[in-house]
Amino acid sequence: FCREIDDVVDEVSDPGVAQAKLDWWRKEVALTFSTSGRAPDHPALQALMPHLGTYAIEAHHLLQIIDGCQMDLDQSRYLDYANLQRYCHLVAGVVGEVAARIFGQTDAKTTEYAHRLGLAFQLTNIIRDVGEDAVRGRIYLPVNELQRFDVKAHELLKRGTSSDGTFTERFKALMVFQIERALAAYDEALALLPPADRRTQKPGLMMASIYRTLLREIATDPMLVLTQRVSLTPLRKFWLAWKVQALGRL
């Protein structure tokens, strides 16, 4: 479901068509939770229906995810971190909440952990994809933070190719700030996870280990995000996941 919704914004170039698709998905969600007896048309929601009660998945969860993608359709800039946080909550925090339930959440406080971890994941994605998003005309880094570090929007949209000699220094300072905040979000999330749910939430902890390591990799040369997608090798990801599973270490 999440992949399908995300693809509407990423792959549909006509805003009118994209809007029509999101509206269609909202109707599909309504049918999924309807008592009318009519099932949704999409196989993803048909497959999800038998498990809604098991994992306490509600309509507002799915609708919020659609609302997050609606924000992508309606705007390409965020004035401040508060606005960016709202976007991150819709496209990642809510996903984390549902995932935590599927993983076997037993403590209500685990929802706070899931929201914070979703924020950390989305901040990581934004940092990693600065260059790719710029190609699409999107800048997720808050406007007031660009101003604070004197990084111009047009410099990002052109990926620094036409900037003066100070761009590298200014951009690196901006990215260090972004990376440190994202790393802090991981620490905050882990501190919020109740001990009783640490075992059930291992899938999320594995992802946290991988994503946090990716952030540290980007920190060694933040300029790379303008021209390529920084990633970890499959073997390194496996090692990080294994350490969490076998040793409980991040």
Protein backbone atom coordinates (compact mmCIF):
# COMPACT_ATOMS: atom_id res chain seq x y z
CA PHE A 1 0.00 0.00 0.00
CA CYS A 2 2.69 2.51 1.01
CA ARG A 3 4.71 1.76 -2.11
CA GLU A 4 1.69 2.28 -4.34
CA ILE A 5 0.84 5.62 -2.73
CA ASP A 6 4.42 6.84 -2.87
CA ASP A 7 4.68 5.95 -6.56
CA VAL A 8 1.73 8.22 -7.38
CA VAL A 9 3.81 11.30 -6.60
CA ASP A 10 7.17 9.96 -7.76
CA GLU A 11 6.11 8.49 -11.09
CA VAL A 12 3.08 10.49 -12.27
CA SER A 13 4.25 13.73 -13.91
CA ASP A 14 0.81 15.26 -14.50
CA PRO A 15 -0.42 16.87 -11.22
CA GLY A 16 -4.06 16.44 -12.26
CA VAL A 17 -3.63 12.74 -12.87
CA ALA A 18 -1.72 12.34 -9.60
CA GLN A 19 -4.51 14.11 -7.71
CA ALA A 20 -7.11 11.86 -9.31
CA LYS A 21 -5.13 8.80 -8.27
CA LEU A 22 -4.84 9.97 -4.65
CA ASP A 23 -8.59 10.67 -4.59
CA TRP A 24 -9.19 7.16 -5.95
CA TRP A 25 -7.02 5.69 -3.20
CA ARG A 26 -9.01 7.58 -0.56
CA LYS A 27 -12.18 5.96 -1.91
CA GLU A 28 -10.44 2.57 -1.84
CA VAL A 29 -9.57 3.07 1.83
CA ALA A 30 -13.19 4.01 2.55
CA LEU A 31 -14.33 0.77 0.92
CA THR A 32 -11.75 -1.19 2.90
CA PHE A 33 -13.35 -0.10 6.17
CA SER A 34 -16.92 0.05 4.90
CA THR A 35 -19.67 -2.24 6.18
CA SER A 36 -21.48 -2.08 2.83
CA GLY A 37 -20.09 -5.43 1.78
CA ARG A 38 -18.28 -4.04 -1.26
CA ALA A 39 -14.55 -4.75 -1.25
CA PRO A 40 -11.85 -2.41 -2.59
CA ASP A 41 -10.60 -3.05 -6.10
CA HIS A 42 -6.86 -2.95 -5.40
CA PRO A 43 -5.19 -6.27 -4.45
CA ALA A 44 -3.04 -4.61 -1.78
CA LEU A 45 -6.07 -3.51 0.21
CA GLN A 46 -7.89 -6.76 -0.46
CA ALA A 47 -4.91 -8.58 1.06
CA LEU A 48 -4.82 -6.19 4.01
CA MET A 49 -8.50 -6.49 4.95
CA PRO A 50 -8.31 -9.80 6.88
CA HIS A 51 -5.55 -8.39 9.10
CA LEU A 52 -7.02 -5.01 10.04
CA GLY A 53 -8.49 -6.26 13.30
CA THR A 54 -5.48 -8.39 14.18
CA TYR A 55 -3.12 -5.42 14.13
CA ALA A 56 -5.60 -2.65 15.04
CA ILE A 57 -5.03 -0.87 11.76
CA GLU A 58 -7.58 1.90 11.30
CA ALA A 59 -8.71 4.01 8.35
CA HIS A 60 -7.01 7.13 9.69
CA HIS A 61 -3.63 5.39 9.49
CA LEU A 62 -3.95 4.80 5.75
CA LEU A 63 -5.56 8.17 5.09
CA GLN A 64 -2.74 9.98 6.88
CA ILE A 65 -0.20 8.25 4.64
CA ILE A 66 -2.16 9.49 1.62
CA ASP A 67 -2.26 12.97 3.18
CA GLY A 68 1.53 12.90 3.40
CA CYS A 69 1.81 12.20 -0.31
CA GLN A 70 -0.76 14.94 -0.88
CA MET A 71 1.72 17.34 0.71
CA ASP A 72 4.29 16.22 -1.86
CA LEU A 73 1.79 17.05 -4.57
CA ASP A 74 0.82 20.43 -3.10
CA GLN A 75 4.23 21.81 -2.17
CA SER A 76 7.93 21.41 -2.89
CA ARG A 77 9.33 23.55 -0.06
CA TYR A 78 9.01 23.64 3.74
CA LEU A 79 9.37 26.92 5.58
CA ASP A 80 10.62 25.51 8.87
CA TYR A 81 11.35 22.32 10.76
CA ALA A 82 7.89 22.19 12.33
CA ASN A 83 6.29 21.93 8.89
CA LEU A 84 8.83 19.34 7.80
CA GLN A 85 8.14 17.31 10.95
CA ARG A 86 4.44 17.20 10.10
CA TYR A 87 5.27 15.85 6.64
CA CYS A 88 7.67 13.28 8.11
CA HIS A 89 5.04 12.13 10.59
CA LEU A 90 2.50 11.49 7.84
CA VAL A 91 4.78 9.67 5.41
CA ALA A 92 6.98 7.84 7.93
CA GLY A 93 5.82 8.20 11.53
CA VAL A 94 2.40 6.72 10.82
CA VAL A 95 4.02 3.93 8.80
CA GLY A 96 6.24 3.23 11.80
CA GLU A 97 3.21 3.11 14.09
CA VAL A 98 1.49 0.51 11.91
CA ALA A 99 4.70 -1.48 11.51
CA ALA A 100 5.23 -1.55 15.29
CA ARG A 101 1.77 -3.08 15.71
CA ILE A 102 2.48 -5.70 13.06
CA PHE A 103 5.82 -6.55 14.70
CA GLY A 104 3.99 -7.36 17.94
CA GLN A 105 3.78 -4.19 20.04
CA THR A 106 2.57 -4.84 23.59
CA ASP A 107 3.23 -1.48 25.29
CA ALA A 108 1.29 1.64 24.26
CA LYS A 109 4.44 3.74 24.76
CA THR A 110 6.04 1.93 21.83
CA THR A 111 3.94 4.15 19.56
CA GLU A 112 6.01 7.17 20.66
CA TYR A 113 9.17 5.25 19.78
CA ALA A 114 7.72 4.35 16.37
CA HIS A 115 6.83 7.96 15.59
CA ARG A 116 10.29 9.20 16.53
CA LEU A 117 12.01 6.42 14.62
CA GLY A 118 9.90 7.19 11.56
CA LEU A 119 11.02 10.81 11.80
CA ALA A 120 14.65 9.70 11.98
CA PHE A 121 14.22 7.45 8.93
CA GLN A 122 12.60 10.20 6.87
CA LEU A 123 15.22 12.78 7.85
CA THR A 124 17.84 10.27 6.71
CA ASN A 125 16.07 9.81 3.38
CA ILE A 126 15.91 13.58 2.89
CA ILE A 127 19.62 13.96 3.60
CA ARG A 128 20.57 11.06 1.32
CA ASP A 129 18.36 12.28 -1.53
CA VAL A 130 19.19 16.01 -1.59
CA GLY A 131 20.67 15.74 -5.09
CA GLU A 132 17.98 13.42 -6.49
CA ASP A 133 15.20 15.60 -5.10
CA ALA A 134 16.84 18.72 -6.56
CA VAL A 135 16.65 17.15 -10.02
CA ARG A 136 12.87 16.89 -9.48
CA GLY A 137 12.71 20.50 -8.32
CA ARG A 138 12.14 19.53 -4.69
CA ILE A 139 13.93 20.86 -1.62
CA TYR A 140 12.89 19.32 1.69
CA LEU A 141 15.50 21.13 3.79
CA PRO A 142 13.63 23.93 5.62
CA VAL A 143 13.84 27.39 4.07
CA ASN A 144 14.84 29.08 7.32
CA GLU A 145 17.70 26.62 7.76
CA LEU A 146 18.95 27.24 4.23
CA GLN A 147 18.94 30.93 5.10
CA ARG A 148 20.75 30.29 8.37
CA PHE A 149 23.62 28.58 6.54
CA ASP A 150 23.44 30.94 3.53
CA VAL A 151 22.72 28.14 1.07
CA LYS A 152 20.57 29.34 -1.82
CA ALA A 153 17.77 27.25 -3.28
CA HIS A 154 19.10 27.73 -6.81
CA GLU A 155 22.46 26.34 -5.69
CA LEU A 156 20.79 23.12 -4.58
CA LEU A 157 18.61 22.91 -7.69
CA LYS A 158 21.77 23.18 -9.80
CA ARG A 159 23.56 20.87 -7.34
CA GLY A 160 26.28 23.41 -6.67
CA THR A 161 27.60 23.42 -10.23
CA SER A 162 27.29 27.17 -10.74
CA SER A 163 28.11 28.38 -7.23
CA ASP A 164 31.04 30.38 -6.01
CA GLY A 165 33.99 28.91 -4.16
CA THR A 166 32.29 29.13 -0.76
CA PHE A 167 29.43 26.76 -1.58
CA THR A 168 31.22 23.62 -0.39
CA GLU A 169 31.90 25.10 3.04
CA ARG A 170 28.36 26.45 3.42
CA PHE A 171 26.71 23.25 2.21
CA LYS A 172 28.84 21.04 4.46
CA ALA A 173 27.91 23.13 7.50
CA LEU A 174 24.23 22.79 6.59
CA MET A 175 24.52 19.05 6.16
CA VAL A 176 26.42 18.54 9.41
CA PHE A 177 23.53 20.28 11.17
CA GLN A 178 20.98 18.05 9.40
CA ILE A 179 22.94 14.87 10.13
CA GLU A 180 23.41 15.68 13.81
CA ARG A 181 19.68 16.32 14.22
CA ALA A 182 18.80 13.05 12.51
CA LEU A 183 21.27 11.11 14.65
CA ALA A 184 19.73 12.70 17.75
CA ALA A 185 16.30 11.51 16.57
CA TYR A 186 17.60 7.91 16.53
CA ASP A 187 18.92 8.30 20.08
CA GLU A 188 15.59 9.76 21.20
CA ALA A 189 13.66 6.91 19.56
CA LEU A 190 15.77 4.23 21.20
CA ALA A 191 15.33 5.89 24.59
CA LEU A 192 11.54 5.79 24.12
CA LEU A 193 11.36 2.06 23.35
CA PRO A 194 9.97 0.17 26.38
CA PRO A 195 12.22 -2.78 27.38
CA ALA A 196 9.24 -5.14 27.14
CA ASP A 197 8.97 -4.48 23.40
CA ARG A 198 12.63 -4.47 22.50
CA ARG A 199 12.51 -8.05 21.22
CA THR A 200 9.34 -7.60 19.15
CA GLN A 201 10.67 -4.42 17.56
CA LYS A 202 13.92 -5.92 16.30
CA PRO A 203 13.02 -5.35 12.61
CA GLY A 204 12.82 -1.62 13.27
CA LEU A 205 16.02 -1.72 15.31
CA MET A 206 17.80 -3.44 12.42
CA MET A 207 16.69 -0.65 10.10
CA ALA A 208 17.79 1.92 12.67
CA SER A 209 21.27 0.41 12.78
CA ILE A 210 21.53 0.43 8.98
CA TYR A 211 20.17 3.94 8.53
CA ARG A 212 22.24 5.40 11.35
CA THR A 213 25.38 3.87 9.85
CA LEU A 214 24.41 5.35 6.48
CA LEU A 215 24.18 8.80 8.06
CA ARG A 216 27.66 8.44 9.50
CA GLU A 217 28.89 7.38 6.07
CA ILE A 218 27.38 10.51 4.52
CA ALA A 219 28.98 12.62 7.26
CA THR A 220 32.45 11.65 5.99
CA ASP A 221 31.76 13.54 2.74
CA PRO A 222 28.40 15.36 2.66
CA MET A 223 29.05 16.71 -0.85
CA LEU A 224 28.43 13.24 -2.30
CA VAL A 225 24.67 13.50 -1.79
CA LEU A 226 24.53 16.16 -4.51
CA THR A 227 25.77 13.84 -7.23
CA GLN A 228 25.06 10.27 -6.15
CA ARG A 229 23.00 8.11 -3.81
CA VAL A 230 25.22 7.07 -0.93
CA SER A 231 24.49 3.49 0.16
CA LEU A 232 25.88 0.59 2.16
CA THR A 233 26.86 -2.71 0.59
CA PRO A 234 24.45 -5.65 1.06
CA LEU A 235 27.10 -7.44 3.12
CA ARG A 236 27.47 -4.49 5.48
CA LYS A 237 23.70 -4.24 5.88
CA PHE A 238 23.56 -7.95 6.66
CA TRP A 239 26.28 -7.59 9.29
CA LEU A 240 24.52 -4.68 10.97
CA ALA A 241 21.19 -6.54 10.98
CA TRP A 242 22.84 -9.70 12.32
CA LYS A 243 24.41 -7.80 15.23
CA VAL A 244 20.98 -6.56 16.26
CA GLN A 245 19.34 -9.96 15.88
CA ALA A 246 22.05 -12.10 17.48
CA LEU A 247 23.74 -9.72 19.89
CA GLY A 248 21.13 -7.05 20.48
CA ARG A 249 23.67 -4.39 19.58
CA LEU A 250 23.17 -1.28 17.45
